[in-house]
């Protein structure tokens, strides 16, 4: 009777061990599935980040180009402004010279 009881207990322990092994296998399978899903999501995120990085680099280059063009436009406008000031000064000097000539002519005729 002890033999049957011991055999039954061993069988029960073996069944419990098998059940534990089965649960552990299922848990490992779920963990592996979760790891694969995490890897897939990570790959998608990396791909999206790479795309965004390329977009940011293109945007940065366009901004640098625009900045260079603005600097060039600023230089052109400053040059135009200096030319306008020089032209106004020359025009004022011509007007003053003409007034001096006119004044000299009037003084010469009236004297």
PDB file of N, CA and C in Angstrom:
ATOM      1  N   UNK A   1       0.805  -1.171   0.000  1.00  0.00           N
ATOM      2  CA  UNK A   1       0.000   0.000   0.000  1.00  0.00           C
ATOM      3  C   UNK A   1       0.869   1.263   0.000  1.00  0.00           C
ATOM      4  N   UNK A   2       1.967   1.202   0.731  1.00  0.00           N
ATOM      5  CA  UNK A   2       2.892   2.326   0.720  1.00  0.00           C
ATOM      6  C   UNK A   2       3.427   2.555  -0.684  1.00  0.00           C
ATOM      7  N   UNK A   3       3.645   1.461  -1.382  1.00  0.00           N
ATOM      8  CA  UNK A   3       4.178   1.552  -2.723  1.00  0.00           C
ATOM      9  C   UNK A   3       3.196   2.279  -3.633  1.00  0.00           C
ATOM     10  N   UNK A   4       1.913   1.929  -3.531  1.00  0.00           N
ATOM     11  CA  UNK A   4       0.884   2.572  -4.363  1.00  0.00           C
ATOM     12  C   UNK A   4       0.726   4.050  -3.972  1.00  0.00           C
ATOM     13  N   UNK A   5       0.802   4.311  -2.681  1.00  0.00           N
ATOM     14  CA  UNK A   5       0.676   5.688  -2.215  1.00  0.00           C
ATOM     15  C   UNK A   5       1.865   6.518  -2.718  1.00  0.00           C
ATOM     16  N   UNK A   6       3.040   5.934  -2.619  1.00  0.00           N
ATOM     17  CA  UNK A   6       4.240   6.635  -3.063  1.00  0.00           C
ATOM     18  C   UNK A   6       4.219   6.829  -4.584  1.00  0.00           C
ATOM     19  N   UNK A   7       3.751   5.808  -5.302  1.00  0.00           N
ATOM     20  CA  UNK A   7       3.650   5.926  -6.748  1.00  0.00           C
ATOM     21  C   UNK A   7       2.630   6.988  -7.138  1.00  0.00           C
ATOM     22  N   UNK A   8       1.533   7.035  -6.408  1.00  0.00           N
ATOM     23  CA  UNK A   8       0.507   8.049  -6.653  1.00  0.00           C
ATOM     24  C   UNK A   8       1.046   9.440  -6.352  1.00  0.00           C
ATOM     25  N   UNK A   9       1.807   9.568  -5.273  1.00  0.00           N
ATOM     26  CA  UNK A   9       2.395  10.860  -4.900  1.00  0.00           C
ATOM     27  C   UNK A   9       3.410  11.283  -5.959  1.00  0.00           C
ATOM     28  N   UNK A  10       4.217  10.339  -6.445  1.00  0.00           N
ATOM     29  CA  UNK A  10       5.195  10.650  -7.493  1.00  0.00           C
ATOM     30  C   UNK A  10       4.494  11.073  -8.773  1.00  0.00           C
ATOM     31  N   UNK A  11       3.411  10.362  -9.089  1.00  0.00           N
ATOM     32  CA  UNK A  11       2.642  10.707 -10.282  1.00  0.00           C
ATOM     33  C   UNK A  11       2.053  12.112 -10.129  1.00  0.00           C
ATOM     34  N   UNK A  12       1.546  12.401  -8.922  1.00  0.00           N
ATOM     35  CA  UNK A  12       0.951  13.719  -8.657  1.00  0.00           C
ATOM     36  C   UNK A  12       2.025  14.809  -8.792  1.00  0.00           C
ATOM     37  N   UNK A  13       3.203  14.558  -8.246  1.00  0.00           N
ATOM     38  CA  UNK A  13       4.304  15.528  -8.347  1.00  0.00           C
ATOM     39  C   UNK A  13       4.734  15.700  -9.809  1.00  0.00           C
ATOM     40  N   UNK A  14       4.767  14.608 -10.544  1.00  0.00           N
ATOM     41  CA  UNK A  14       5.134  14.684 -11.956  1.00  0.00           C
ATOM     42  C   UNK A  14       4.106  15.489 -12.728  1.00  0.00           C
ATOM     43  N   UNK A  15       2.826  15.295 -12.425  1.00  0.00           N
ATOM     44  CA  UNK A  15       1.774  16.075 -13.092  1.00  0.00           C
ATOM     45  C   UNK A  15       1.882  17.555 -12.715  1.00  0.00           C
ATOM     46  N   UNK A  16       2.161  17.832 -11.454  1.00  0.00           N
ATOM     47  CA  UNK A  16       2.325  19.221 -11.014  1.00  0.00           C
ATOM     48  C   UNK A  16       3.542  19.847 -11.707  1.00  0.00           C
ATOM     49  N   UNK A  17       4.634  19.087 -11.774  1.00  0.00           N
ATOM     50  CA  UNK A  17       5.835  19.576 -12.459  1.00  0.00           C
ATOM     51  C   UNK A  17       5.563  19.840 -13.926  1.00  0.00           C
ATOM     52  N   UNK A  18       4.796  18.936 -14.555  1.00  0.00           N
ATOM     53  CA  UNK A  18       4.441  19.128 -15.960  1.00  0.00           C
ATOM     54  C   UNK A  18       3.575  20.371 -16.131  1.00  0.00           C
ATOM     55  N   UNK A  19       2.616  20.575 -15.204  1.00  0.00           N
ATOM     56  CA  UNK A  19       1.750  21.755 -15.271  1.00  0.00           C
ATOM     57  C   UNK A  19       2.572  23.030 -15.106  1.00  0.00           C
ATOM     58  N   UNK A  20       3.522  22.987 -14.168  1.00  0.00           N
ATOM     59  CA  UNK A  20       4.392  24.154 -13.964  1.00  0.00           C
ATOM     60  C   UNK A  20       5.228  24.394 -15.216  1.00  0.00           C
ATOM     61  N   UNK A  21       5.760  23.335 -15.776  1.00  0.00           N
ATOM     62  CA  UNK A  21       6.554  23.447 -17.001  1.00  0.00           C
ATOM     63  C   UNK A  21       5.712  24.012 -18.143  1.00  0.00           C
ATOM     64  N   UNK A  22       4.476  23.563 -18.243  1.00  0.00           N
ATOM     65  CA  UNK A  22       3.564  24.053 -19.292  1.00  0.00           C
ATOM     66  C   UNK A  22       3.281  25.544 -19.100  1.00  0.00           C
ATOM     67  N   UNK A  23       3.000  25.954 -17.865  1.00  0.00           N
ATOM     68  CA  UNK A  23       2.745  27.379 -17.582  1.00  0.00           C
ATOM     69  C   UNK A  23       3.990  28.213 -17.877  1.00  0.00           C
ATOM     70  N   UNK A  24       5.146  27.683 -17.513  1.00  0.00           N
ATOM     71  CA  UNK A  24       6.402  28.395 -17.771  1.00  0.00           C
ATOM     72  C   UNK A  24       6.631  28.523 -19.269  1.00  0.00           C
ATOM     73  N   UNK A  25       6.357  27.479 -20.019  1.00  0.00           N
ATOM     74  CA  UNK A  25       6.508  27.530 -21.478  1.00  0.00           C
ATOM     75  C   UNK A  25       5.572  28.564 -22.085  1.00  0.00           C
ATOM     76  N   UNK A  26       4.334  28.596 -21.604  1.00  0.00           N
ATOM     77  CA  UNK A  26       3.366  29.584 -22.105  1.00  0.00           C
ATOM     78  C   UNK A  26       3.824  31.002 -21.747  1.00  0.00           C
ATOM     79  N   UNK A  27       4.332  31.161 -20.541  1.00  0.00           N
ATOM     80  CA  UNK A  27       4.821  32.475 -20.120  1.00  0.00           C
ATOM     81  C   UNK A  27       6.009  32.902 -20.982  1.00  0.00           C
ATOM     82  N   UNK A  28       6.912  31.974 -21.263  1.00  0.00           N
ATOM     83  CA  UNK A  28       8.050  32.283 -22.135  1.00  0.00           C
ATOM     84  C   UNK A  28       7.584  32.640 -23.550  1.00  0.00           C
ATOM     85  N   UNK A  29       6.586  31.936 -24.039  1.00  0.00           N
ATOM     86  CA  UNK A  29       6.057  32.231 -25.371  1.00  0.00           C
ATOM     87  C   UNK A  29       5.453  33.633 -25.403  1.00  0.00           C
ATOM     88  N   UNK A  30       4.700  33.987 -24.341  1.00  0.00           N
ATOM     89  CA  UNK A  30       4.125  35.338 -24.269  1.00  0.00           C
ATOM     90  C   UNK A  30       5.232  36.392 -24.178  1.00  0.00           C
ATOM     91  N   UNK A  31       6.257  36.093 -23.378  1.00  0.00           N
ATOM     92  CA  UNK A  31       7.380  37.029 -23.247  1.00  0.00           C
ATOM     93  C   UNK A  31       8.095  37.196 -24.579  1.00  0.00           C
ATOM     94  N   UNK A  32       8.299  36.104 -25.288  1.00  0.00           N
ATOM     95  CA  UNK A  32       8.947  36.183 -26.593  1.00  0.00           C
ATOM     96  C   UNK A  32       8.097  36.994 -27.563  1.00  0.00           C
ATOM     97  N   UNK A  33       6.790  36.799 -27.537  1.00  0.00           N
ATOM     98  CA  UNK A  33       5.885  37.561 -28.402  1.00  0.00           C
ATOM     99  C   UNK A  33       5.946  39.049 -28.062  1.00  0.00           C
ATOM    100  N   UNK A  34       5.969  39.343 -26.754  1.00  0.00           N
ATOM    101  CA  UNK A  34       6.065  40.747 -26.327  1.00  0.00           C
ATOM    102  C   UNK A  34       7.393  41.348 -26.776  1.00  0.00           C
ATOM    103  N   UNK A  35       8.475  40.575 -26.671  1.00  0.00           N
ATOM    104  CA  UNK A  35       9.786  41.067 -27.106  1.00  0.00           C
ATOM    105  C   UNK A  35       9.802  41.332 -28.609  1.00  0.00           C
ATOM    106  N   UNK A  36       9.198  40.438 -29.390  1.00  0.00           N
ATOM    107  CA  UNK A  36       9.133  40.637 -30.841  1.00  0.00           C
ATOM    108  C   UNK A  36       8.307  41.868 -31.190  1.00  0.00           C
ATOM    109  N   UNK A  37       7.198  42.051 -30.487  1.00  0.00           N
ATOM    110  CA  UNK A  37       6.349  43.232 -30.719  1.00  0.00           C
ATOM    111  C   UNK A  37       7.107  44.507 -30.349  1.00  0.00           C
ATOM    112  N   UNK A  38       7.826  44.457 -29.233  1.00  0.00           N
ATOM    113  CA  UNK A  38       8.622  45.617 -28.817  1.00  0.00           C
ATOM    114  C   UNK A  38       9.710  45.925 -29.840  1.00  0.00           C
ATOM    115  N   UNK A  39      10.350  44.893 -30.361  1.00  0.00           N
ATOM    116  CA  UNK A  39      11.377  45.088 -31.387  1.00  0.00           C
ATOM    117  C   UNK A  39      10.772  45.689 -32.654  1.00  0.00           C
ATOM    118  N   UNK A  40       9.593  45.226 -33.045  1.00  0.00           N
ATOM    119  CA  UNK A  40       8.934  45.755 -34.239  1.00  0.00           C
ATOM    120  C   UNK A  40       8.599  47.235 -34.040  1.00  0.00           C
ATOM    121  N   UNK A  41       8.049  47.549 -32.864  1.00  0.00           N
ATOM    122  CA  UNK A  41       7.705  48.953 -32.576  1.00  0.00           C
ATOM    123  C   UNK A  41       8.974  49.808 -32.552  1.00  0.00           C
ATOM    124  N   UNK A  42      10.047  49.281 -31.937  1.00  0.00           N
ATOM    125  CA  UNK A  42      11.313  50.012 -31.896  1.00  0.00           C
ATOM    126  C   UNK A  42      11.858  50.281 -33.286  1.00  0.00           C
ATOM    127  N   UNK A  43      11.741  49.303 -34.169  1.00  0.00           N
ATOM    128  CA  UNK A  43      12.204  49.465 -35.548  1.00  0.00           C
ATOM    129  C   UNK A  43      11.385  50.539 -36.260  1.00  0.00           C
ATOM    130  N   UNK A  44      10.079  50.535 -36.049  1.00  0.00           N
ATOM    131  CA  UNK A  44       9.219  51.562 -36.663  1.00  0.00           C
ATOM    132  C   UNK A  44       9.574  52.949 -36.135  1.00  0.00           C
ATOM    133  N   UNK A  45       9.798  53.042 -34.815  1.00  0.00           N
ATOM    134  CA  UNK A  45      10.149  54.333 -34.217  1.00  0.00           C
ATOM    135  C   UNK A  45      11.477  54.826 -34.776  1.00  0.00           C
ATOM    136  N   UNK A  46      12.461  53.939 -34.883  1.00  0.00           N
ATOM    137  CA  UNK A  46      13.755  54.336 -35.446  1.00  0.00           C
ATOM    138  C   UNK A  46      13.615  54.809 -36.889  1.00  0.00           C
ATOM    139  N   UNK A  47      12.798  54.117 -37.647  1.00  0.00           N
ATOM    140  CA  UNK A  47      12.570  54.516 -39.034  1.00  0.00           C
ATOM    141  C   UNK A  47      11.930  55.897 -39.099  1.00  0.00           C
ATOM    142  N   UNK A  48      10.944  56.121 -38.254  1.00  0.00           N
ATOM    143  CA  UNK A  48      10.263  57.427 -38.221  1.00  0.00           C
ATOM    144  C   UNK A  48      11.228  58.525 -37.772  1.00  0.00           C
ATOM    145  N   UNK A  49      12.055  58.218 -36.777  1.00  0.00           N
ATOM    146  CA  UNK A  49      13.031  59.209 -36.309  1.00  0.00           C
ATOM    147  C   UNK A  49      14.047  59.540 -37.396  1.00  0.00           C
ATOM    148  N   UNK A  50      14.465  58.548 -38.149  1.00  0.00           N
ATOM    149  CA  UNK A  50      15.401  58.793 -39.247  1.00  0.00           C
ATOM    150  C   UNK A  50      14.766  59.692 -40.303  1.00  0.00           C
ATOM    151  N   UNK A  51      13.506  59.432 -40.595  1.00  0.00           N
ATOM    152  CA  UNK A  51      12.786  60.254 -41.567  1.00  0.00           C
ATOM    153  C   UNK A  51      12.673  61.699 -41.063  1.00  0.00           C
ATOM    154  N   UNK A  52      12.347  61.852 -39.786  1.00  0.00           N
ATOM    155  CA  UNK A  52      12.231  63.193 -39.211  1.00  0.00           C
ATOM    156  C   UNK A  52      13.584  63.895 -39.190  1.00  0.00           C
ATOM    157  N   UNK A  53      14.649  63.147 -38.925  1.00  0.00           N
ATOM    158  CA  UNK A  53      15.989  63.733 -38.917  1.00  0.00           C
ATOM    159  C   UNK A  53      16.335  64.266 -40.305  1.00  0.00           C
ATOM    160  N   UNK A  54      16.055  63.468 -41.326  1.00  0.00           N
ATOM    161  CA  UNK A  54      16.328  63.908 -42.697  1.00  0.00           C
ATOM    162  C   UNK A  54      15.520  65.153 -43.032  1.00  0.00           C
ATOM    163  N   UNK A  55      14.265  65.168 -42.593  1.00  0.00           N
ATOM    164  CA  UNK A  55      13.407  66.330 -42.836  1.00  0.00           C
ATOM    165  C   UNK A  55      13.969  67.566 -42.132  1.00  0.00           C
ATOM    166  N   UNK A  56      14.407  67.396 -40.891  1.00  0.00           N
ATOM    167  CA  UNK A  56      14.989  68.517 -40.145  1.00  0.00           C
ATOM    168  C   UNK A  56      16.276  69.009 -40.794  1.00  0.00           C
ATOM    169  N   UNK A  57      17.087  68.092 -41.286  1.00  0.00           N
ATOM    170  CA  UNK A  57      18.327  68.501 -41.954  1.00  0.00           C
ATOM    171  C   UNK A  57      18.034  69.285 -43.231  1.00  0.00           C
ATOM    172  N   UNK A  58      17.028  68.829 -43.992  1.00  0.00           N
ATOM    173  CA  UNK A  58      16.648  69.575 -45.211  1.00  0.00           C
ATOM    174  C   UNK A  58      16.121  70.959 -44.829  1.00  0.00           C
ATOM    175  N   UNK A  59      15.305  71.019 -43.791  1.00  0.00           N
ATOM    176  CA  UNK A  59      14.759  72.302 -43.342  1.00  0.00           C
ATOM    177  C   UNK A  59      15.883  73.227 -42.882  1.00  0.00           C
ATOM    178  N   UNK A  60      16.845  72.671 -42.151  1.00  0.00           N
ATOM    179  CA  UNK A  60      17.983  73.465 -41.688  1.00  0.00           C
ATOM    180  C   UNK A  60      18.760  74.025 -42.874  1.00  0.00           C
ATOM    181  N   UNK A  61      18.978  73.201 -43.899  1.00  0.00           N
ATOM    182  CA  UNK A  61      19.707  73.658 -45.077  1.00  0.00           C
ATOM    183  C   UNK A  61      18.946  74.776 -45.789  1.00  0.00           C
ATOM    184  N   UNK A  62      17.623  74.607 -45.890  1.00  0.00           N
ATOM    185  CA  UNK A  62      16.814  75.660 -46.532  1.00  0.00           C
ATOM    186  C   UNK A  62      16.891  76.957 -45.726  1.00  0.00           C
ATOM    187  N   UNK A  63      16.884  76.847 -44.395  1.00  0.00           N
ATOM    188  CA  UNK A  63      16.992  78.046 -43.559  1.00  0.00           C
ATOM    189  C   UNK A  63      18.358  78.711 -43.718  1.00  0.00           C
ATOM    190  N   UNK A  64      19.411  77.898 -43.791  1.00  0.00           N
ATOM    191  CA  UNK A  64      20.737  78.471 -44.006  1.00  0.00           C
ATOM    192  C   UNK A  64      20.808  79.163 -45.359  1.00  0.00           C
ATOM    193  N   UNK A  65      20.219  78.551 -46.384  1.00  0.00           N
ATOM    194  CA  UNK A  65      20.194  79.174 -47.714  1.00  0.00           C
ATOM    195  C   UNK A  65      19.418  80.491 -47.677  1.00  0.00           C
ATOM    196  N   UNK A  66      18.261  80.466 -47.002  1.00  0.00           N
ATOM    197  CA  UNK A  66      17.449  81.682 -46.901  1.00  0.00           C
ATOM    198  C   UNK A  66      18.195  82.760 -46.132  1.00  0.00           C
ATOM    199  N   UNK A  67      18.917  82.367 -45.080  1.00  0.00           N
ATOM    200  CA  UNK A  67      19.696  83.328 -44.295  1.00  0.00           C
ATOM    201  C   UNK A  67      20.785  83.963 -45.154  1.00  0.00           C
ATOM    202  N   UNK A  68      21.443  83.150 -45.965  1.00  0.00           N
ATOM    203  CA  UNK A  68      22.479  83.666 -46.856  1.00  0.00           C
ATOM    204  C   UNK A  68      21.875  84.639 -47.873  1.00  0.00           C
ATOM    205  N   UNK A  69      20.724  84.287 -48.419  1.00  0.00           N
ATOM    206  CA  UNK A  69      20.069  85.172 -49.383  1.00  0.00           C
ATOM    207  C   UNK A  69      19.625  86.472 -48.718  1.00  0.00           C
ATOM    208  N   UNK A  70      19.143  86.387 -47.478  1.00  0.00           N
ATOM    209  CA  UNK A  70      18.760  87.602 -46.752  1.00  0.00           C
ATOM    210  C   UNK A  70      19.973  88.486 -46.479  1.00  0.00           C
ATOM    211  N   UNK A  71      21.089  87.870 -46.142  1.00  0.00           N
ATOM    212  CA  UNK A  71      22.310  88.649 -45.908  1.00  0.00           C
ATOM    213  C   UNK A  71      22.739  89.366 -47.189  1.00  0.00           C
ATOM    214  N   UNK A  72      22.654  88.650 -48.287  1.00  0.00           N
ATOM    215  CA  UNK A  72      23.022  89.251 -49.572  1.00  0.00           C
ATOM    216  C   UNK A  72      22.060  90.387 -49.914  1.00  0.00           C
ATOM    217  N   UNK A  73      20.772  90.173 -49.689  1.00  0.00           N
ATOM    218  CA  UNK A  73      19.776  91.228 -49.964  1.00  0.00           C
ATOM    219  C   UNK A  73      20.036  92.442 -49.065  1.00  0.00           C
ATOM    220  N   UNK A  74      20.413  92.188 -47.806  1.00  0.00           N
ATOM    221  CA  UNK A  74      20.710  93.284 -46.876  1.00  0.00           C
ATOM    222  C   UNK A  74      21.908  94.095 -47.376  1.00  0.00           C
ATOM    223  N   UNK A  75      22.930  93.394 -47.881  1.00  0.00           N
ATOM    224  CA  UNK A  75      24.101  94.098 -48.420  1.00  0.00           C
ATOM    225  C   UNK A  75      23.713  94.948 -49.638  1.00  0.00           C
ATOM    226  N   UNK A  76      22.875  94.400 -50.504  1.00  0.00           N
ATOM    227  CA  UNK A  76      22.432  95.137 -51.689  1.00  0.00           C
ATOM    228  C   UNK A  76      21.631  96.369 -51.271  1.00  0.00           C
ATOM    229  N   UNK A  77      20.718  96.194 -50.303  1.00  0.00           N
ATOM    230  CA  UNK A  77      19.910  97.331 -49.841  1.00  0.00           C
ATOM    231  C   UNK A  77      20.783  98.398 -49.186  1.00  0.00           C
ATOM    232  N   UNK A  78      21.767  97.985 -48.397  1.00  0.00           N
ATOM    233  CA  UNK A  78      22.669  98.960 -47.784  1.00  0.00           C
ATOM    234  C   UNK A  78      23.443  99.718 -48.855  1.00  0.00           C
ATOM    235  N   UNK A  79      23.887  99.017 -49.882  1.00  0.00           N
ATOM    236  CA  UNK A  79      24.597  99.671 -50.983  1.00  0.00           C
ATOM    237  C   UNK A  79      23.679 100.663 -51.695  1.00  0.00           C
ATOM    238  N   UNK A  80      22.446 100.265 -51.934  1.00  0.00           N
ATOM    239  CA  UNK A  80      21.480 101.164 -52.583  1.00  0.00           C
ATOM    240  C   UNK A  80      21.226 102.392 -51.702  1.00  0.00           C
ATOM    241  N   UNK A  81      21.116 102.172 -50.386  1.00  0.00           N
ATOM    242  CA  UNK A  81      20.877 103.282 -49.464  1.00  0.00           C
ATOM    243  C   UNK A  81      22.046 104.268 -49.510  1.00  0.00           C
ATOM    244  N   UNK A  82      23.274 103.741 -49.517  1.00  0.00           N
ATOM    245  CA  UNK A  82      24.443 104.618 -49.589  1.00  0.00           C
ATOM    246  C   UNK A  82      24.450 105.398 -50.895  1.00  0.00           C
ATOM    247  N   UNK A  83      24.075 104.734 -51.998  1.00  0.00           N
ATOM    248  CA  UNK A  83      24.019 105.431 -53.293  1.00  0.00           C
ATOM    249  C   UNK A  83      22.957 106.526 -53.275  1.00  0.00           C
ATOM    250  N   UNK A  84      21.816 106.249 -52.635  1.00  0.00           N
ATOM    251  CA  UNK A  84      20.751 107.263 -52.555  1.00  0.00           C
ATOM    252  C   UNK A  84      21.234 108.476 -51.769  1.00  0.00           C
ATOM    253  N   UNK A  85      21.896 108.221 -50.634  1.00  0.00           N
ATOM    254  CA  UNK A  85      22.414 109.331 -49.815  1.00  0.00           C
ATOM    255  C   UNK A  85      23.451 110.134 -50.619  1.00  0.00           C
ATOM    256  N   UNK A  86      24.333 109.423 -51.306  1.00  0.00           N
ATOM    257  CA  UNK A  86      25.349 110.121 -52.110  1.00  0.00           C
ATOM    258  C   UNK A  86      24.689 110.950 -53.204  1.00  0.00           C
ATOM    259  N   UNK A  87      23.665 110.390 -53.859  1.00  0.00           N
ATOM    260  CA  UNK A  87      22.952 111.142 -54.903  1.00  0.00           C
ATOM    261  C   UNK A  87      22.263 112.370 -54.324  1.00  0.00           C
ATOM    262  N   UNK A  88      21.687 112.265 -53.147  1.00  0.00           N
ATOM    263  CA  UNK A  88      21.026 113.421 -52.521  1.00  0.00           C
ATOM    264  C   UNK A  88      22.050 114.502 -52.171  1.00  0.00           C
ATOM    265  N   UNK A  89      23.192 114.080 -51.678  1.00  0.00           N
ATOM    266  CA  UNK A  89      24.239 115.056 -51.343  1.00  0.00           C
ATOM    267  C   UNK A  89      24.711 115.767 -52.603  1.00  0.00           C
ATOM    268  N   UNK A  90      24.946 114.996 -53.658  1.00  0.00           N
ATOM    269  CA  UNK A  90      25.375 115.598 -54.934  1.00  0.00           C
ATOM    270  C   UNK A  90      24.311 116.544 -55.454  1.00  0.00           C
ATOM    271  N   UNK A  91      23.036 116.138 -55.378  1.00  0.00           N
ATOM    272  CA  UNK A  91      21.939 116.989 -55.839  1.00  0.00           C
ATOM    273  C   UNK A  91      21.880 118.283 -55.031  1.00  0.00           C
ATOM    274  N   UNK A  92      22.062 118.180 -53.715  1.00  0.00           N
ATOM    275  CA  UNK A  92      22.067 119.389 -52.870  1.00  0.00           C
ATOM    276  C   UNK A  92      23.237 120.304 -53.238  1.00  0.00           C
ATOM    277  N   UNK A  93      24.396 119.710 -53.483  1.00  0.00           N
ATOM    278  CA  UNK A  93      25.551 120.528 -53.876  1.00  0.00           C
ATOM    279  C   UNK A  93      25.315 121.211 -55.219  1.00  0.00           C
ATOM    280  N   UNK A  94      24.694 120.508 -56.155  1.00  0.00           N
ATOM    281  CA  UNK A  94      24.383 121.108 -57.463  1.00  0.00           C
ATOM    282  C   UNK A  94      23.404 122.262 -57.285  1.00  0.00           C
ATOM    283  N   UNK A  95      22.379 122.047 -56.441  1.00  0.00           N
ATOM    284  CA  UNK A  95      21.393 123.124 -56.205  1.00  0.00           C
ATOM    285  C   UNK A  95      22.070 124.322 -55.567  1.00  0.00           C
ATOM    286  N   UNK A  96      22.928 124.078 -54.583  1.00  0.00           N
ATOM    287  CA  UNK A  96      23.639 125.184 -53.925  1.00  0.00           C
ATOM    288  C   UNK A  96      24.543 125.898 -54.922  1.00  0.00           C
ATOM    289  N   UNK A  97      25.241 125.155 -55.770  1.00  0.00           N
ATOM    290  CA  UNK A  97      26.115 125.732 -56.784  1.00  0.00           C
ATOM    291  C   UNK A  97      25.303 126.560 -57.772  1.00  0.00           C
ATOM    292  N   UNK A  98      24.160 126.046 -58.214  1.00  0.00           N
ATOM    293  CA  UNK A  98      23.298 126.806 -59.139  1.00  0.00           C
ATOM    294  C   UNK A  98      22.791 128.085 -58.470  1.00  0.00           C
ATOM    295  N   UNK A  99      22.411 127.974 -57.193  1.00  0.00           N
ATOM    296  CA  UNK A  99      21.949 129.173 -56.488  1.00  0.00           C
ATOM    297  C   UNK A  99      23.081 130.188 -56.345  1.00  0.00           C
ATOM    298  N   UNK A 100      24.279 129.711 -56.114  1.00  0.00           N
ATOM    299  CA  UNK A 100      25.426 130.621 -56.005  1.00  0.00           C
ATOM    300  C   UNK A 100      25.696 131.287 -57.348  1.00  0.00           C
ATOM    301  N   UNK A 101      25.617 130.498 -58.428  1.00  0.00           N
ATOM    302  CA  UNK A 101      25.822 131.072 -59.766  1.00  0.00           C
ATOM    303  C   UNK A 101      24.733 132.090 -60.071  1.00  0.00           C
ATOM    304  N   UNK A 102      23.473 131.717 -59.764  1.00  0.00           N
ATOM    305  CA  UNK A 102      22.359 132.640 -60.004  1.00  0.00           C
ATOM    306  C   UNK A 102      22.517 133.913 -59.163  1.00  0.00           C
ATOM    307  N   UNK A 103      22.871 133.734 -57.920  1.00  0.00           N
ATOM    308  CA  UNK A 103      23.090 134.893 -57.041  1.00  0.00           C
ATOM    309  C   UNK A 103      24.233 135.758 -57.553  1.00  0.00           C
ATOM    310  N   UNK A 104      25.315 135.105 -58.023  1.00  0.00           N
ATOM    311  CA  UNK A 104      26.455 135.858 -58.559  1.00  0.00           C
ATOM    312  C   UNK A 104      26.065 136.597 -59.826  1.00  0.00           C
ATOM    313  N   UNK A 105      25.255 135.955 -60.663  1.00  0.00           N
ATOM    314  CA  UNK A 105      24.813 136.609 -61.904  1.00  0.00           C
ATOM    315  C   UNK A 105      23.955 137.812 -61.582  1.00  0.00           C
ATOM    316  N   UNK A 106      23.003 137.660 -60.656  1.00  0.00           N
ATOM    317  CA  UNK A 106      22.136 138.776 -60.271  1.00  0.00           C
ATOM    318  C   UNK A 106      22.955 139.917 -59.666  1.00  0.00           C
ATOM    319  N   UNK A 107      23.894 139.588 -58.825  1.00  0.00           N
ATOM    320  CA  UNK A 107      24.728 140.610 -58.182  1.00  0.00           C
ATOM    321  C   UNK A 107      25.554 141.365 -59.242  1.00  0.00           C
ATOM    322  N   UNK A 108      26.054 140.594 -60.228  1.00  0.00           N
ATOM    323  CA  UNK A 108      26.866 141.181 -61.278  1.00  0.00           C
ATOM    324  C   UNK A 108      26.025 142.097 -62.176  1.00  0.00           C
ATOM    325  N   UNK A 109      24.777 141.695 -62.465  1.00  0.00           N
ATOM    326  CA  UNK A 109      23.906 142.496 -63.322  1.00  0.00           C
ATOM    327  C   UNK A 109      23.391 143.738 -62.589  1.00  0.00           C
ATOM    328  N   UNK A 110      23.125 143.608 -61.315  1.00  0.00           N
ATOM    329  CA  UNK A 110      22.579 144.718 -60.539  1.00  0.00           C
ATOM    330  C   UNK A 110      23.664 145.679 -60.074  1.00  0.00           C
ATOM    331  N   UNK A 111      24.860 145.301 -60.133  1.00  0.00           N
ATOM    332  CA  UNK A 111      25.882 146.223 -59.665  1.00  0.00           C
ATOM    333  C   UNK A 111      26.520 147.034 -60.730  1.00  0.00           C
TER     334      UNK A 111
END
